[in-house]
């Protein structure tokens, strides 16, 4: 009799989080070291964000981002979303994130075992409470693609595939960004924060 091999796991086995907007609260900030990061960005921060599904099921998501602080950094974008009056040119204690709330757009890829990801993060509008909002489409294939990888970097293959699905071309993306030299478009996108690139898709899909 051949030996039986059990699944090794490693995928997401938590509750289902429908794609949509959620009010989330930061409960933890941890430093992470990823020595095998293909871009050499080994120092990371991992945030734990807690929220509730439309079925009142509590959940957490753990976005990972580079340990960079500046006006264009993902970390600074989270500070802005949390309503923190931070200075990108001054040092910042990330413990200031704890307890802060924001509005996160969370999506899950189609592949089995895929983890829910925070695709964009924004400030909760004054006088309003963010509530879970599932996507208007009923087919999972129509859900927004995950363009930010687990290591916090941009997946260009997924970005362009989803861009084409939304009717975007290299020319239209370049025009939107004000890039006049097409060969420089990829370099320009690579220089942007992954969340800003993801926002291009969000704006084109009308999800913002």
N, C-alpha and C. Protein backbone atom coordinates (compact mmCIF):
# COMPACT_ATOMS: atom_id res chain seq x y z
N UNK A 1 0.85 -1.20 0.00
CA UNK A 1 0.00 0.00 0.00
C UNK A 1 0.88 1.24 0.00
N UNK A 2 0.60 2.17 -0.89
CA UNK A 2 1.38 3.40 -0.96
C UNK A 2 1.11 4.28 0.26
N UNK A 3 2.14 5.00 0.71
CA UNK A 3 1.93 5.90 1.84
C UNK A 3 1.00 7.04 1.46
N UNK A 4 0.18 7.44 2.40
CA UNK A 4 -0.77 8.53 2.18
C UNK A 4 -0.13 9.85 2.59
N UNK A 5 -0.21 10.83 1.72
CA UNK A 5 0.33 12.15 2.01
C UNK A 5 -0.81 13.10 2.29
N UNK A 6 -0.78 13.72 3.46
CA UNK A 6 -1.82 14.68 3.83
C UNK A 6 -1.45 16.06 3.32
N UNK A 7 -2.44 16.92 3.10
CA UNK A 7 -2.17 18.29 2.67
C UNK A 7 -1.26 19.00 3.66
N UNK A 8 -0.32 19.76 3.14
CA UNK A 8 0.65 20.44 3.99
C UNK A 8 0.11 21.72 4.60
N UNK A 9 -0.99 22.23 4.06
CA UNK A 9 -1.56 23.46 4.61
C UNK A 9 -0.80 24.68 4.15
N UNK A 10 -0.91 25.74 4.93
CA UNK A 10 -0.23 26.98 4.60
C UNK A 10 -1.15 28.00 3.95
N UNK A 11 -2.33 27.56 3.48
CA UNK A 11 -3.29 28.48 2.89
C UNK A 11 -4.21 29.06 3.95
N UNK A 12 -5.10 29.92 3.51
CA UNK A 12 -6.04 30.56 4.43
C UNK A 12 -7.18 29.60 4.74
N UNK A 13 -7.46 29.38 6.00
CA UNK A 13 -8.56 28.50 6.39
C UNK A 13 -9.48 29.19 7.38
N UNK A 14 -9.45 30.52 7.39
CA UNK A 14 -10.31 31.28 8.29
C UNK A 14 -11.68 31.51 7.69
N UNK A 15 -12.44 32.41 8.28
CA UNK A 15 -13.78 32.67 7.80
C UNK A 15 -13.72 33.41 6.47
N UNK A 16 -14.78 33.29 5.68
CA UNK A 16 -14.83 33.99 4.40
C UNK A 16 -15.15 35.46 4.63
N UNK A 17 -14.36 36.32 4.01
CA UNK A 17 -14.58 37.75 4.11
C UNK A 17 -15.01 38.23 2.73
N UNK A 18 -16.29 38.55 2.54
CA UNK A 18 -16.73 39.02 1.22
C UNK A 18 -15.95 40.26 0.79
N UNK A 19 -15.64 40.34 -0.49
CA UNK A 19 -14.94 41.52 -0.99
C UNK A 19 -15.75 42.77 -0.69
N UNK A 20 -15.10 43.81 -0.23
CA UNK A 20 -15.80 45.06 0.03
C UNK A 20 -15.07 45.97 0.98
N UNK A 21 -15.75 47.03 1.38
CA UNK A 21 -15.20 48.03 2.30
C UNK A 21 -15.55 47.66 3.74
N UNK A 22 -14.57 47.79 4.62
CA UNK A 22 -14.78 47.47 6.03
C UNK A 22 -14.13 48.52 6.92
N UNK A 23 -14.77 48.80 8.02
CA UNK A 23 -14.11 49.59 9.04
C UNK A 23 -13.20 48.64 9.82
N UNK A 24 -11.94 48.99 9.93
CA UNK A 24 -10.99 48.13 10.63
C UNK A 24 -10.27 48.95 11.70
N UNK A 25 -9.79 48.26 12.70
CA UNK A 25 -9.05 48.90 13.79
C UNK A 25 -7.71 48.20 13.95
N UNK A 26 -6.65 48.97 14.06
CA UNK A 26 -5.32 48.39 14.22
C UNK A 26 -5.14 47.91 15.66
N UNK A 27 -4.79 46.63 15.80
CA UNK A 27 -4.62 46.06 17.14
C UNK A 27 -3.18 45.68 17.44
N UNK A 28 -2.34 45.62 16.40
CA UNK A 28 -0.95 45.21 16.64
C UNK A 28 -0.06 45.68 15.50
N UNK A 29 1.18 46.03 15.83
CA UNK A 29 2.20 46.37 14.84
C UNK A 29 3.45 45.56 15.18
N UNK A 30 3.96 44.79 14.23
CA UNK A 30 5.13 43.96 14.48
C UNK A 30 6.20 44.20 13.41
N UNK A 31 7.44 44.09 13.81
CA UNK A 31 8.55 44.14 12.87
C UNK A 31 8.79 42.75 12.33
N UNK A 32 9.01 42.65 11.02
CA UNK A 32 9.27 41.36 10.37
C UNK A 32 10.53 41.46 9.54
N UNK A 33 11.21 40.36 9.42
CA UNK A 33 12.41 40.28 8.59
C UNK A 33 12.20 39.18 7.56
N UNK A 34 12.24 39.55 6.28
CA UNK A 34 12.07 38.59 5.20
C UNK A 34 13.36 38.54 4.39
N UNK A 35 14.29 37.69 4.78
CA UNK A 35 15.61 37.65 4.14
C UNK A 35 15.57 37.27 2.67
N UNK A 36 14.49 36.62 2.22
CA UNK A 36 14.43 36.17 0.83
C UNK A 36 13.65 37.12 -0.08
N UNK A 37 13.39 38.33 0.37
CA UNK A 37 12.66 39.29 -0.45
C UNK A 37 13.42 39.53 -1.75
N UNK A 38 12.73 39.34 -2.88
CA UNK A 38 13.42 39.40 -4.17
C UNK A 38 13.87 40.80 -4.55
N UNK A 39 13.30 41.81 -3.89
CA UNK A 39 13.70 43.18 -4.17
C UNK A 39 14.71 43.71 -3.15
N UNK A 40 15.08 42.84 -2.20
CA UNK A 40 16.06 43.25 -1.20
C UNK A 40 15.50 44.06 -0.06
N UNK A 41 14.17 44.23 -0.03
CA UNK A 41 13.55 44.97 1.06
C UNK A 41 13.22 44.00 2.19
N UNK A 42 14.21 43.70 2.99
CA UNK A 42 14.04 42.65 4.02
C UNK A 42 13.32 43.14 5.26
N UNK A 43 13.42 44.43 5.57
CA UNK A 43 12.79 44.96 6.78
C UNK A 43 11.34 45.32 6.48
N UNK A 44 10.43 44.74 7.23
CA UNK A 44 9.00 44.94 7.00
C UNK A 44 8.28 45.30 8.30
N UNK A 45 7.10 45.85 8.15
CA UNK A 45 6.16 46.00 9.25
C UNK A 45 4.92 45.21 8.89
N UNK A 46 4.37 44.51 9.89
CA UNK A 46 3.11 43.79 9.70
C UNK A 46 2.09 44.34 10.68
N UNK A 47 0.97 44.81 10.14
CA UNK A 47 -0.10 45.34 10.97
C UNK A 47 -1.20 44.31 11.11
N UNK A 48 -1.84 44.26 12.25
CA UNK A 48 -3.02 43.42 12.44
C UNK A 48 -4.23 44.34 12.50
N UNK A 49 -5.14 44.15 11.55
CA UNK A 49 -6.35 44.96 11.47
C UNK A 49 -7.56 44.09 11.77
N UNK A 50 -8.39 44.53 12.68
CA UNK A 50 -9.57 43.76 13.08
C UNK A 50 -10.84 44.41 12.56
N UNK A 51 -11.76 43.56 12.09
CA UNK A 51 -13.04 44.06 11.59
C UNK A 51 -14.12 43.03 11.81
N UNK A 52 -15.29 43.28 11.22
CA UNK A 52 -16.44 42.38 11.36
C UNK A 52 -17.09 42.21 9.99
N UNK A 53 -17.43 40.98 9.62
CA UNK A 53 -18.08 40.71 8.34
C UNK A 53 -19.55 41.13 8.39
N UNK A 54 -20.24 41.13 7.24
CA UNK A 54 -21.68 41.44 7.24
C UNK A 54 -22.49 40.48 8.11
N UNK A 55 -21.93 39.28 8.36
CA UNK A 55 -22.62 38.30 9.22
C UNK A 55 -22.18 38.40 10.67
N UNK A 56 -21.56 39.54 11.01
CA UNK A 56 -21.10 39.80 12.38
C UNK A 56 -20.04 38.82 12.87
N UNK A 57 -19.26 38.29 11.92
CA UNK A 57 -18.14 37.42 12.27
C UNK A 57 -16.87 38.27 12.38
N UNK A 58 -16.20 38.24 13.53
CA UNK A 58 -14.97 39.02 13.66
C UNK A 58 -13.86 38.41 12.80
N UNK A 59 -13.00 39.25 12.25
CA UNK A 59 -11.89 38.76 11.44
C UNK A 59 -10.69 39.68 11.64
N UNK A 60 -9.53 39.18 11.23
CA UNK A 60 -8.32 40.00 11.20
C UNK A 60 -7.62 39.80 9.87
N UNK A 61 -6.98 40.83 9.38
CA UNK A 61 -6.10 40.75 8.21
C UNK A 61 -4.78 41.36 8.62
N UNK A 62 -3.70 40.92 7.97
CA UNK A 62 -2.36 41.33 8.41
C UNK A 62 -1.54 41.85 7.22
N UNK A 63 -1.78 43.07 6.78
CA UNK A 63 -1.00 43.62 5.67
C UNK A 63 0.47 43.76 6.03
N UNK A 64 1.32 43.47 5.05
CA UNK A 64 2.77 43.54 5.22
C UNK A 64 3.30 44.64 4.31
N UNK A 65 4.19 45.47 4.83
CA UNK A 65 4.71 46.59 4.02
C UNK A 65 6.16 46.86 4.36
N UNK A 66 6.83 47.53 3.44
CA UNK A 66 8.24 47.85 3.66
C UNK A 66 8.42 48.81 4.82
N UNK A 67 9.55 48.66 5.51
CA UNK A 67 9.86 49.56 6.60
C UNK A 67 10.48 50.84 6.03
N UNK A 68 9.63 51.61 5.40
CA UNK A 68 10.04 52.88 4.82
C UNK A 68 9.09 53.96 5.31
N UNK A 69 9.62 55.14 5.54
CA UNK A 69 8.81 56.25 6.04
C UNK A 69 9.08 57.48 5.19
N UNK A 70 8.06 57.94 4.51
CA UNK A 70 8.17 59.10 3.64
C UNK A 70 6.81 59.37 3.03
N UNK A 71 6.69 60.48 2.36
CA UNK A 71 5.39 60.90 1.84
C UNK A 71 4.79 59.90 0.87
N UNK A 72 5.63 59.14 0.14
CA UNK A 72 5.14 58.18 -0.85
C UNK A 72 5.13 56.74 -0.34
N UNK A 73 5.48 56.53 0.91
CA UNK A 73 5.56 55.17 1.44
C UNK A 73 4.19 54.64 1.83
N UNK A 74 4.05 53.31 1.76
CA UNK A 74 2.80 52.67 2.18
C UNK A 74 2.53 52.92 3.65
N UNK A 75 3.56 52.88 4.46
CA UNK A 75 3.40 53.08 5.90
C UNK A 75 2.83 54.47 6.20
N UNK A 76 3.32 55.48 5.50
CA UNK A 76 2.80 56.83 5.70
C UNK A 76 1.35 56.90 5.23
N UNK A 77 1.02 56.17 4.16
CA UNK A 77 -0.36 56.13 3.68
C UNK A 77 -1.30 55.58 4.73
N UNK A 78 -0.83 54.58 5.49
CA UNK A 78 -1.65 54.04 6.57
C UNK A 78 -1.83 55.08 7.67
N UNK A 79 -0.78 55.83 7.96
CA UNK A 79 -0.88 56.87 8.98
C UNK A 79 -1.95 57.89 8.61
N UNK A 80 -1.94 58.29 7.34
CA UNK A 80 -2.94 59.25 6.86
C UNK A 80 -4.34 58.65 6.97
N UNK A 81 -4.48 57.36 6.57
CA UNK A 81 -5.78 56.69 6.64
C UNK A 81 -6.29 56.60 8.08
N UNK A 82 -5.37 56.45 9.02
CA UNK A 82 -5.76 56.38 10.43
C UNK A 82 -6.04 57.76 11.03
N UNK A 83 -5.90 58.81 10.22
CA UNK A 83 -6.19 60.15 10.71
C UNK A 83 -5.09 60.73 11.57
N UNK A 84 -3.88 60.20 11.42
CA UNK A 84 -2.75 60.67 12.23
C UNK A 84 -2.07 61.83 11.51
N UNK A 85 -1.86 62.91 12.23
CA UNK A 85 -1.18 64.08 11.67
C UNK A 85 0.32 63.87 11.80
N UNK A 86 0.86 63.04 10.90
CA UNK A 86 2.28 62.67 10.96
C UNK A 86 3.08 63.47 9.95
N UNK A 87 4.34 63.68 10.25
CA UNK A 87 5.25 64.41 9.38
C UNK A 87 6.15 63.40 8.67
N UNK A 88 6.10 63.32 7.35
CA UNK A 88 6.91 62.32 6.63
C UNK A 88 8.40 62.56 6.75
N UNK A 89 8.79 63.76 7.20
CA UNK A 89 10.21 64.09 7.33
C UNK A 89 10.72 63.94 8.76
N UNK A 90 9.85 63.47 9.65
CA UNK A 90 10.23 63.28 11.06
C UNK A 90 10.03 61.81 11.44
N UNK A 91 10.77 61.36 12.44
CA UNK A 91 10.61 59.98 12.91
C UNK A 91 9.21 59.79 13.48
N UNK A 92 8.74 58.55 13.45
CA UNK A 92 7.37 58.25 13.89
C UNK A 92 7.34 56.93 14.63
N UNK A 93 6.63 56.91 15.76
CA UNK A 93 6.47 55.70 16.57
C UNK A 93 5.23 54.97 16.08
N UNK A 94 5.41 53.79 15.49
CA UNK A 94 4.28 53.06 14.92
C UNK A 94 3.29 52.56 15.97
N UNK A 95 3.65 52.62 17.25
CA UNK A 95 2.66 52.29 18.28
C UNK A 95 1.48 53.25 18.22
N UNK A 96 1.68 54.39 17.54
CA UNK A 96 0.58 55.34 17.38
C UNK A 96 -0.55 54.79 16.52
N UNK A 97 -0.30 53.70 15.80
CA UNK A 97 -1.35 53.07 15.00
C UNK A 97 -2.36 52.31 15.86
N UNK A 98 -1.90 51.82 17.00
CA UNK A 98 -2.73 50.96 17.84
C UNK A 98 -4.01 51.68 18.24
N UNK A 99 -5.14 51.01 17.99
CA UNK A 99 -6.44 51.57 18.36
C UNK A 99 -7.05 52.48 17.31
N UNK A 100 -6.28 52.84 16.30
CA UNK A 100 -6.79 53.74 15.26
C UNK A 100 -7.66 52.97 14.25
N UNK A 101 -8.63 53.67 13.67
CA UNK A 101 -9.54 53.05 12.71
C UNK A 101 -9.38 53.66 11.33
N UNK A 102 -9.71 52.85 10.31
CA UNK A 102 -9.66 53.31 8.93
C UNK A 102 -10.66 52.48 8.13
N UNK A 103 -10.78 52.81 6.86
CA UNK A 103 -11.64 52.06 5.95
C UNK A 103 -10.77 51.29 4.97
N UNK A 104 -10.92 49.98 4.98
CA UNK A 104 -10.09 49.12 4.14
C UNK A 104 -10.93 48.44 3.07
N UNK A 105 -10.40 48.39 1.86
CA UNK A 105 -11.04 47.62 0.79
C UNK A 105 -10.33 46.28 0.74
N UNK A 106 -11.05 45.22 1.11
CA UNK A 106 -10.47 43.88 1.25
C UNK A 106 -10.98 42.98 0.14
N UNK A 107 -10.07 42.26 -0.50
CA UNK A 107 -10.43 41.34 -1.57
C UNK A 107 -9.67 40.03 -1.38
N UNK A 108 -10.21 38.97 -1.97
CA UNK A 108 -9.58 37.65 -1.90
C UNK A 108 -9.48 37.09 -3.31
N UNK A 109 -8.30 36.61 -3.68
CA UNK A 109 -8.10 36.02 -5.00
C UNK A 109 -8.91 34.73 -5.13
N UNK A 110 -9.07 34.28 -6.37
CA UNK A 110 -9.89 33.09 -6.63
C UNK A 110 -9.22 31.79 -6.21
N UNK A 111 -7.90 31.72 -6.26
CA UNK A 111 -7.20 30.47 -6.01
C UNK A 111 -7.51 29.92 -4.62
N UNK A 112 -7.67 28.63 -4.53
CA UNK A 112 -7.96 27.98 -3.25
C UNK A 112 -6.86 28.30 -2.24
N UNK A 113 -7.25 28.62 -1.03
CA UNK A 113 -6.29 28.91 0.01
C UNK A 113 -5.77 30.33 0.01
N UNK A 114 -6.27 31.17 -0.91
CA UNK A 114 -5.80 32.56 -0.97
C UNK A 114 -6.21 33.33 0.27
N UNK A 115 -5.34 34.22 0.69
CA UNK A 115 -5.60 35.02 1.88
C UNK A 115 -6.30 36.32 1.51
N UNK A 116 -7.24 36.78 2.34
CA UNK A 116 -7.82 38.10 2.11
C UNK A 116 -6.73 39.17 2.22
N UNK A 117 -6.75 40.14 1.31
CA UNK A 117 -5.73 41.19 1.28
C UNK A 117 -6.37 42.56 1.38
N UNK A 118 -5.65 43.47 2.01
CA UNK A 118 -6.07 44.87 2.00
C UNK A 118 -5.55 45.47 0.70
N UNK A 119 -6.46 45.83 -0.22
CA UNK A 119 -6.03 46.39 -1.49
C UNK A 119 -5.81 47.90 -1.39
N UNK A 120 -6.71 48.58 -0.66
CA UNK A 120 -6.52 50.00 -0.42
C UNK A 120 -6.96 50.33 1.01
N UNK A 121 -6.44 51.40 1.53
CA UNK A 121 -6.79 51.85 2.88
C UNK A 121 -7.06 53.35 2.80
N UNK A 122 -8.11 53.82 3.44
CA UNK A 122 -8.45 55.23 3.39
C UNK A 122 -9.08 55.68 4.70
N UNK A 123 -9.13 56.99 4.86
CA UNK A 123 -9.69 57.56 6.08
C UNK A 123 -11.20 57.42 6.08
N UNK A 124 -11.77 57.17 7.24
CA UNK A 124 -13.21 57.12 7.39
C UNK A 124 -13.74 58.55 7.31
N UNK A 125 -14.71 58.77 6.44
CA UNK A 125 -15.24 60.12 6.26
C UNK A 125 -15.93 60.60 7.53
N UNK A 126 -15.75 61.88 7.83
CA UNK A 126 -16.32 62.47 9.04
C UNK A 126 -17.83 62.28 9.06
N UNK A 127 -18.33 61.84 10.21
CA UNK A 127 -19.77 61.68 10.37
C UNK A 127 -20.32 60.39 9.81
N UNK A 128 -19.45 59.55 9.26
CA UNK A 128 -19.91 58.29 8.68
C UNK A 128 -19.15 57.12 9.27
N UNK A 129 -19.81 55.99 9.33
CA UNK A 129 -19.18 54.77 9.79
C UNK A 129 -19.06 53.82 8.62
N UNK A 130 -17.87 53.34 8.37
CA UNK A 130 -17.69 52.40 7.26
C UNK A 130 -18.41 51.11 7.57
N UNK A 131 -19.10 50.58 6.60
CA UNK A 131 -19.80 49.32 6.79
C UNK A 131 -19.38 48.37 5.68
N UNK A 132 -19.50 47.08 5.96
CA UNK A 132 -19.11 46.09 4.96
C UNK A 132 -19.98 46.26 3.72
N UNK A 133 -19.35 46.23 2.56
CA UNK A 133 -20.08 46.37 1.30
C UNK A 133 -19.51 45.37 0.32
N UNK A 134 -20.29 44.35 0.04
CA UNK A 134 -19.79 43.34 -0.90
C UNK A 134 -19.80 43.94 -2.29
N UNK A 135 -19.02 43.37 -3.19
CA UNK A 135 -18.97 43.86 -4.55
C UNK A 135 -20.29 43.61 -5.24
N UNK A 136 -20.58 44.43 -6.27
CA UNK A 136 -21.86 44.32 -6.95
C UNK A 136 -21.91 43.12 -7.86
N UNK A 137 -20.77 42.60 -8.25
CA UNK A 137 -20.76 41.43 -9.12
C UNK A 137 -21.00 40.17 -8.31
N UNK A 138 -21.54 39.15 -8.98
CA UNK A 138 -21.82 37.90 -8.30
C UNK A 138 -20.82 36.82 -8.64
N UNK A 139 -20.03 37.03 -9.67
CA UNK A 139 -19.04 36.04 -10.06
C UNK A 139 -17.70 36.38 -9.46
N UNK A 140 -17.04 35.41 -8.83
CA UNK A 140 -15.73 35.66 -8.25
C UNK A 140 -14.71 36.09 -9.29
N UNK A 141 -14.90 35.64 -10.55
CA UNK A 141 -13.96 36.02 -11.59
C UNK A 141 -14.00 37.51 -11.88
N UNK A 142 -15.06 38.20 -11.45
CA UNK A 142 -15.19 39.63 -11.68
C UNK A 142 -14.65 40.44 -10.51
N UNK A 143 -14.18 39.78 -9.50
CA UNK A 143 -13.65 40.50 -8.35
C UNK A 143 -12.33 41.17 -8.69
N UNK A 144 -12.02 42.23 -7.96
CA UNK A 144 -10.76 42.94 -8.19
C UNK A 144 -9.59 42.00 -7.96
N UNK A 145 -8.59 42.10 -8.81
CA UNK A 145 -7.42 41.23 -8.69
C UNK A 145 -6.54 41.67 -7.55
N UNK A 146 -5.78 40.74 -7.03
CA UNK A 146 -4.80 41.06 -6.00
C UNK A 146 -3.51 41.44 -6.71
N UNK A 147 -3.15 42.70 -6.64
CA UNK A 147 -1.94 43.15 -7.33
C UNK A 147 -0.78 43.35 -6.37
N UNK A 148 -1.04 43.30 -5.08
CA UNK A 148 0.03 43.44 -4.09
C UNK A 148 0.32 42.07 -3.51
N UNK A 149 1.56 41.63 -3.67
CA UNK A 149 1.94 40.30 -3.22
C UNK A 149 2.11 40.24 -1.70
N UNK A 150 2.31 39.03 -1.21
CA UNK A 150 2.43 38.83 0.23
C UNK A 150 3.59 39.59 0.84
N UNK A 151 4.63 39.84 0.03
CA UNK A 151 5.79 40.57 0.55
C UNK A 151 5.61 42.08 0.46
N UNK A 152 4.42 42.52 0.03
CA UNK A 152 4.14 43.94 -0.02
C UNK A 152 4.52 44.60 -1.33
N UNK A 153 5.09 43.84 -2.28
CA UNK A 153 5.51 44.41 -3.56
C UNK A 153 4.41 44.21 -4.61
N UNK A 154 4.53 44.93 -5.72
CA UNK A 154 3.54 44.89 -6.79
C UNK A 154 3.75 43.69 -7.71
N UNK A 155 2.67 43.03 -8.06
CA UNK A 155 2.71 41.94 -9.03
C UNK A 155 2.32 42.54 -10.38
N UNK A 156 3.31 42.86 -11.22
CA UNK A 156 3.05 43.54 -12.48
C UNK A 156 2.22 42.69 -13.43
N UNK A 157 2.43 41.37 -13.43
CA UNK A 157 1.67 40.51 -14.33
C UNK A 157 0.18 40.60 -14.03
N UNK A 158 -0.16 40.56 -12.74
CA UNK A 158 -1.57 40.65 -12.35
C UNK A 158 -2.11 42.06 -12.63
N UNK A 159 -1.28 43.08 -12.39
CA UNK A 159 -1.72 44.45 -12.64
C UNK A 159 -2.13 44.65 -14.09
N UNK A 160 -1.27 44.22 -15.03
CA UNK A 160 -1.58 44.44 -16.44
C UNK A 160 -2.72 43.56 -16.92
N UNK A 161 -2.84 42.36 -16.35
CA UNK A 161 -3.95 41.50 -16.72
C UNK A 161 -5.28 42.14 -16.31
N UNK A 162 -5.31 42.66 -15.07
CA UNK A 162 -6.54 43.29 -14.59
C UNK A 162 -6.79 44.61 -15.31
N UNK A 163 -5.71 45.32 -15.65
CA UNK A 163 -5.86 46.58 -16.39
C UNK A 163 -6.51 46.33 -17.74
N UNK A 164 -6.05 45.28 -18.42
CA UNK A 164 -6.65 44.95 -19.72
C UNK A 164 -8.11 44.58 -19.58
N UNK A 165 -8.43 43.85 -18.51
CA UNK A 165 -9.83 43.46 -18.28
C UNK A 165 -10.72 44.69 -18.10
N UNK A 166 -10.15 45.75 -17.54
CA UNK A 166 -10.90 46.97 -17.31
C UNK A 166 -10.86 47.92 -18.51
N UNK A 167 -10.23 47.46 -19.59
CA UNK A 167 -10.17 48.28 -20.79
C UNK A 167 -9.06 49.31 -20.78
N UNK A 168 -8.10 49.15 -19.88
CA UNK A 168 -6.98 50.08 -19.80
C UNK A 168 -5.85 49.61 -20.71
N UNK A 169 -5.14 50.55 -21.29
CA UNK A 169 -3.98 50.24 -22.13
C UNK A 169 -2.75 50.91 -21.54
N UNK A 170 -1.59 50.55 -22.05
CA UNK A 170 -0.37 51.21 -21.58
C UNK A 170 -0.45 52.71 -21.85
N UNK A 171 -1.04 53.05 -23.01
CA UNK A 171 -1.16 54.46 -23.36
C UNK A 171 -2.07 55.21 -22.38
N UNK A 172 -3.20 54.59 -22.01
CA UNK A 172 -4.14 55.27 -21.12
C UNK A 172 -3.56 55.40 -19.71
N UNK A 173 -2.81 54.37 -19.28
CA UNK A 173 -2.17 54.44 -17.96
C UNK A 173 -1.11 55.53 -17.96
N UNK A 174 -0.32 55.59 -19.03
CA UNK A 174 0.72 56.61 -19.13
C UNK A 174 0.12 58.00 -19.11
N UNK A 175 -0.99 58.18 -19.86
CA UNK A 175 -1.64 59.49 -19.90
C UNK A 175 -2.18 59.89 -18.53
N UNK A 176 -2.73 58.92 -17.81
CA UNK A 176 -3.27 59.20 -16.48
C UNK A 176 -2.18 59.63 -15.51
N UNK A 177 -0.99 59.06 -15.69
CA UNK A 177 0.13 59.37 -14.79
C UNK A 177 0.98 60.54 -15.30
N UNK A 178 0.69 60.98 -16.52
CA UNK A 178 1.46 62.09 -17.08
C UNK A 178 2.83 61.67 -17.58
N UNK A 179 2.97 60.38 -17.92
CA UNK A 179 4.24 59.87 -18.45
C UNK A 179 4.21 60.00 -19.97
N UNK A 180 5.16 60.73 -20.53
CA UNK A 180 5.17 60.96 -21.97
C UNK A 180 6.06 60.00 -22.73
N UNK A 181 7.03 59.41 -22.04
CA UNK A 181 7.96 58.48 -22.70
C UNK A 181 7.55 57.06 -22.32
N UNK A 182 6.92 56.34 -23.25
CA UNK A 182 6.37 55.03 -22.96
C UNK A 182 7.38 54.04 -22.37
N UNK A 183 8.65 54.00 -22.86
CA UNK A 183 9.60 53.05 -22.27
C UNK A 183 9.84 53.28 -20.78
N UNK A 184 9.54 54.48 -20.29
CA UNK A 184 9.75 54.79 -18.89
C UNK A 184 8.56 54.42 -18.01
N UNK A 185 7.46 53.95 -18.63
CA UNK A 185 6.24 53.68 -17.86
C UNK A 185 6.46 52.62 -16.78
N UNK A 186 7.11 51.51 -17.16
CA UNK A 186 7.34 50.44 -16.18
C UNK A 186 8.21 50.93 -15.02
N UNK A 187 9.25 51.70 -15.35
CA UNK A 187 10.11 52.24 -14.30
C UNK A 187 9.32 53.18 -13.39
N UNK A 188 8.44 53.96 -14.00
CA UNK A 188 7.64 54.90 -13.22
C UNK A 188 6.70 54.15 -12.27
N UNK A 189 6.05 53.13 -12.79
CA UNK A 189 5.15 52.33 -11.94
C UNK A 189 5.93 51.66 -10.81
N UNK A 190 7.13 51.16 -11.12
CA UNK A 190 7.95 50.49 -10.11
C UNK A 190 8.39 51.45 -9.01
N UNK A 191 8.48 52.74 -9.36
CA UNK A 191 8.91 53.72 -8.37
C UNK A 191 7.77 54.15 -7.45
N UNK A 192 6.53 53.83 -7.86
CA UNK A 192 5.36 54.20 -7.06
C UNK A 192 5.14 53.20 -5.93
N UNK A 193 4.41 53.63 -4.91
CA UNK A 193 4.02 52.70 -3.86
C UNK A 193 2.98 51.74 -4.42
N UNK A 194 3.07 50.44 -4.09
CA UNK A 194 2.12 49.46 -4.61
C UNK A 194 0.66 49.84 -4.40
N UNK A 195 0.35 50.45 -3.26
CA UNK A 195 -1.05 50.83 -3.00
C UNK A 195 -1.52 51.90 -3.97
N UNK A 196 -0.61 52.80 -4.40
CA UNK A 196 -0.98 53.83 -5.36
C UNK A 196 -1.27 53.22 -6.73
N UNK A 197 -0.48 52.20 -7.10
CA UNK A 197 -0.71 51.52 -8.38
C UNK A 197 -2.04 50.76 -8.33
N UNK A 198 -2.31 50.11 -7.21
CA UNK A 198 -3.58 49.40 -7.05
C UNK A 198 -4.75 50.36 -7.16
N UNK A 199 -4.57 51.59 -6.68
CA UNK A 199 -5.64 52.58 -6.73
C UNK A 199 -6.02 52.92 -8.17
N UNK A 200 -5.07 52.82 -9.11
CA UNK A 200 -5.39 53.06 -10.51
C UNK A 200 -6.48 52.11 -10.98
N UNK A 201 -6.37 50.85 -10.57
CA UNK A 201 -7.38 49.86 -10.93
C UNK A 201 -8.70 50.14 -10.23
N UNK A 202 -8.60 50.52 -8.96
CA UNK A 202 -9.81 50.80 -8.18
C UNK A 202 -10.59 51.94 -8.82
N UNK A 203 -9.89 53.00 -9.25
CA UNK A 203 -10.55 54.15 -9.85
C UNK A 203 -11.21 53.77 -11.17
N UNK A 204 -10.54 52.92 -11.95
CA UNK A 204 -11.09 52.52 -13.25
C UNK A 204 -12.29 51.59 -13.10
N UNK A 205 -12.30 50.81 -12.00
CA UNK A 205 -13.41 49.88 -11.79
C UNK A 205 -14.58 50.54 -11.10
N UNK A 206 -14.38 51.80 -10.64
CA UNK A 206 -15.46 52.51 -9.95
C UNK A 206 -15.66 52.06 -8.54
N UNK A 207 -14.66 51.36 -7.96
CA UNK A 207 -14.80 50.84 -6.59
C UNK A 207 -14.45 51.84 -5.53
N UNK A 208 -13.85 52.99 -5.88
CA UNK A 208 -13.46 53.97 -4.88
C UNK A 208 -14.63 54.84 -4.48
